[in-house]
Each structure stands twice: as structure tokens, then as C-alpha cells.
Amino acid sequence: MPPETVAVGADHAGYALKNKLKEELVRKGYSVLDVGTDSDRSVDYPDFAMAVARAVAEGRAARGVLVCGTGIGMSIAANRLRGIRAAVVHCDEEAKLCRAHNDANVLCLGARITTEYVAQNCLDVFLETAFDGGRHARRIEKMG
């Protein structure tokens, strides 16, 4: 079976952390679709949020990871696309619950707020946690 693909993207504030997370994904055997940015020069975060969101929505990636200064802008932009459930997380418990209860398919992190160690833990938990389904599935359906 081919490795699961994870789409990653960041703006200038998240560039360095995105690269660290990308290394971790490759080390763990994931295929990575990196949509950019590829430097710390100022860019517009919605461009990268939409590129990751499209990759997930179109099935080119199973999940996505977005990094900006806070994670908030990326989340707002990615959630505009139907079928995307992007969650900003700050700890592994939030990463677990966004998957288990909300079936989040895009992880958003803030490079100015979250340490590399915490971000890697969040990523690990996000990738390892399954959706619980049940009553949570009914709630997800209501969001359409």
C-alpha cells in the first residue's frame, strides 16, 4: 500500500516550522505534498491555506497541515472550502479531540505560539487518532 499523503503549507511566519514538520512526516514514512511557501519572505496565507484545502478536498492528500503565526488565519481560510474541517490546536489533547470528535482533516498550528516540540506532538496525535463516529458523526453531518 502506498504511503498516506499529507499536504503541508505555510506562510512566511510558519515556513521554518513547516519544514521541521515535513521532515518528521518523511521520517515516519508519509508522502508529503508541499504547496509552499519556500522562504521566509512575506506572502499571503490564504493562498497556501486554499492549496492545502484543495489537495485534501480533491483527495490528493488524506490530511493537511498548515502553519502561520497563530494558525487562526490558515484555519479561517481553509474552512471556507466545502468538506474541510481545519482546527487550530495548541496541545496534544486538542489534537486528539479535533480528530476524535470533529473528524478534523487539516491541522493548523501557530509558529509564533507553539514550540517545535509541542507542534510535533500535536502532529503525531493528529495523525494517530481516528474519528470516533457515533454521535459525533451526526454532528459533523449537520455542518454539511
Protein backbone atom coordinates (compact mmCIF):
# COMPACT_ATOMS: atom_id res chain seq x y z
CA MET A 1 0.00 0.00 0.00
CA PRO A 2 1.41 3.45 -0.90
CA PRO A 3 2.18 5.82 1.98
CA GLU A 4 -0.56 8.19 3.08
CA THR A 5 -0.09 11.66 1.61
CA VAL A 6 -0.16 14.71 3.85
CA ALA A 7 -0.34 18.16 2.24
CA VAL A 8 1.65 20.85 4.04
CA GLY A 9 1.66 24.60 3.62
CA ALA A 10 2.76 27.72 5.45
CA ASP A 11 3.16 31.41 5.14
CA HIS A 12 6.41 33.23 5.93
CA ALA A 13 5.83 33.05 9.70
CA GLY A 14 5.32 29.30 9.56
CA TYR A 15 7.98 28.45 6.99
CA ALA A 16 10.64 27.11 9.38
CA LEU A 17 8.19 25.06 11.47
CA LYS A 18 6.56 23.65 8.34
CA ASN A 19 9.94 22.36 7.21
CA LYS A 20 10.56 20.69 10.58
CA LEU A 21 7.14 19.02 10.47
CA LYS A 22 7.74 17.97 6.89
CA GLU A 23 10.98 16.24 7.95
CA GLU A 24 9.06 14.44 10.70
CA LEU A 25 6.40 13.28 8.25
CA VAL A 26 9.00 11.89 5.85
CA ARG A 27 10.82 10.19 8.72
CA LYS A 28 7.55 8.48 9.70
CA GLY A 29 7.01 7.23 6.14
CA TYR A 30 4.37 9.66 4.90
CA SER A 31 4.37 11.05 1.40
CA VAL A 32 4.40 14.86 1.58
CA LEU A 33 2.79 17.28 -0.85
CA ASP A 34 4.44 20.61 -0.03
CA VAL A 35 2.47 23.51 -1.52
CA GLY A 36 4.85 26.17 -0.15
CA THR A 37 5.88 28.75 0.78
CA ASP A 38 9.56 28.09 0.20
CA SER A 39 11.11 31.01 2.03
CA ASP A 40 10.51 33.42 4.90
CA ARG A 41 9.64 36.28 2.52
CA SER A 42 6.24 37.81 3.19
CA VAL A 43 3.36 36.04 1.40
CA ASP A 44 -0.42 35.87 1.72
CA TYR A 45 -1.50 32.94 3.91
CA PRO A 46 -4.88 32.34 2.17
CA ASP A 47 -3.06 31.17 -0.97
CA PHE A 48 -1.37 28.34 0.91
CA ALA A 49 -4.40 27.52 3.05
CA MET A 50 -6.50 27.05 -0.08
CA ALA A 51 -3.82 24.96 -1.80
CA VAL A 52 -3.73 22.52 1.12
CA ALA A 53 -7.52 22.55 1.49
CA ARG A 54 -7.97 21.78 -2.21
CA ALA A 55 -5.48 18.92 -2.05
CA VAL A 56 -7.44 17.35 0.83
CA ALA A 57 -10.90 18.07 -0.65
CA GLU A 58 -9.87 16.64 -4.03
CA GLY A 59 -8.35 13.51 -2.46
CA ARG A 60 -4.75 14.24 -3.47
CA ALA A 61 -3.92 14.19 0.25
CA ALA A 62 -5.57 12.36 3.12
CA ARG A 63 -4.90 15.19 5.57
CA GLY A 64 -3.32 18.60 5.68
CA VAL A 65 -1.07 20.64 7.92
CA LEU A 66 -0.98 24.44 7.84
CA VAL A 67 1.33 26.76 9.75
CA CYS A 68 1.20 30.53 10.11
CA GLY A 69 1.92 32.86 13.01
CA THR A 70 -1.10 31.79 15.09
CA GLY A 71 -2.82 29.13 12.97
CA ILE A 72 -6.00 31.18 13.07
CA GLY A 73 -5.79 32.80 9.64
CA MET A 74 -4.95 29.49 7.99
CA SER A 75 -7.91 27.84 9.71
CA ILE A 76 -10.36 30.54 8.68
CA ALA A 77 -9.19 30.40 5.07
CA ALA A 78 -9.11 26.60 4.79
CA ASN A 79 -12.55 26.18 6.37
CA ARG A 80 -14.11 28.18 3.53
CA LEU A 81 -13.79 25.10 1.29
CA ARG A 82 -16.58 22.53 1.49
CA GLY A 83 -15.51 19.32 3.20
CA ILE A 84 -12.63 20.85 5.10
CA ARG A 85 -12.56 20.77 8.86
CA ALA A 86 -9.44 22.71 9.84
CA ALA A 87 -8.66 23.01 13.53
CA VAL A 88 -6.20 25.26 15.34
CA VAL A 89 -4.55 23.31 18.14
CA HIS A 90 -2.11 24.23 20.90
CA CYS A 91 -1.65 20.90 22.70
CA ASP A 92 -1.91 17.17 22.09
CA GLU A 93 -5.31 16.96 23.85
CA GLU A 94 -6.79 19.42 21.35
CA ALA A 95 -5.17 17.47 18.51
CA LYS A 96 -6.77 14.26 19.82
CA LEU A 97 -10.22 15.76 20.29
CA CYS A 98 -10.30 17.60 16.95
CA ARG A 99 -9.81 14.21 15.28
CA ALA A 100 -11.90 12.02 17.59
CA HIS A 101 -14.88 14.36 17.92
CA ASN A 102 -14.71 16.68 14.91
CA ASP A 103 -13.05 14.47 12.27
CA ALA A 104 -10.70 17.37 11.52
CA ASN A 105 -8.78 16.79 8.31
CA VAL A 106 -6.46 19.80 8.46
CA LEU A 107 -4.23 20.62 11.43
CA CYS A 108 -3.41 24.32 11.91
CA LEU A 109 -0.53 25.42 14.08
CA GLY A 110 0.88 28.78 15.15
CA ALA A 111 4.64 29.05 14.82
CA ARG A 112 4.73 32.17 16.99
CA ILE A 113 2.74 30.45 19.74
CA THR A 114 3.64 26.76 19.64
CA THR A 115 7.10 25.32 20.21
CA GLU A 116 8.54 22.84 17.74
CA TYR A 117 8.30 20.09 20.37
CA VAL A 118 4.61 20.76 21.06
CA ALA A 119 3.86 21.08 17.33
CA GLN A 120 5.46 17.69 16.63
CA ASN A 121 3.46 16.10 19.45
CA CYS A 122 0.27 17.63 18.07
CA LEU A 123 1.11 16.33 14.61
CA ASP A 124 1.76 12.81 15.92
CA VAL A 125 -1.52 12.73 17.83
CA PHE A 126 -3.44 14.22 14.90
CA LEU A 127 -2.14 11.51 12.57
CA GLU A 128 -2.63 8.64 15.03
CA THR A 129 -6.14 9.47 16.25
CA ALA A 130 -9.18 8.02 14.49
CA PHE A 131 -12.60 9.65 14.28
CA ASP A 132 -14.92 8.21 16.96
CA GLY A 133 -18.03 8.37 14.77
CA GLY A 134 -21.32 7.68 16.59
CA ARG A 135 -22.96 10.80 17.98
CA HIS A 136 -20.06 12.84 16.60
CA ALA A 137 -20.84 11.74 13.03
CA ARG A 138 -24.38 13.09 13.39
CA ARG A 139 -22.97 16.44 14.41
CA ILE A 140 -20.50 16.53 11.54
CA GLU A 141 -23.33 15.79 9.09
CA LYS A 142 -25.24 18.80 10.40
CA MET A 143 -22.37 21.04 9.34
CA GLY A 144 -22.74 19.75 5.77
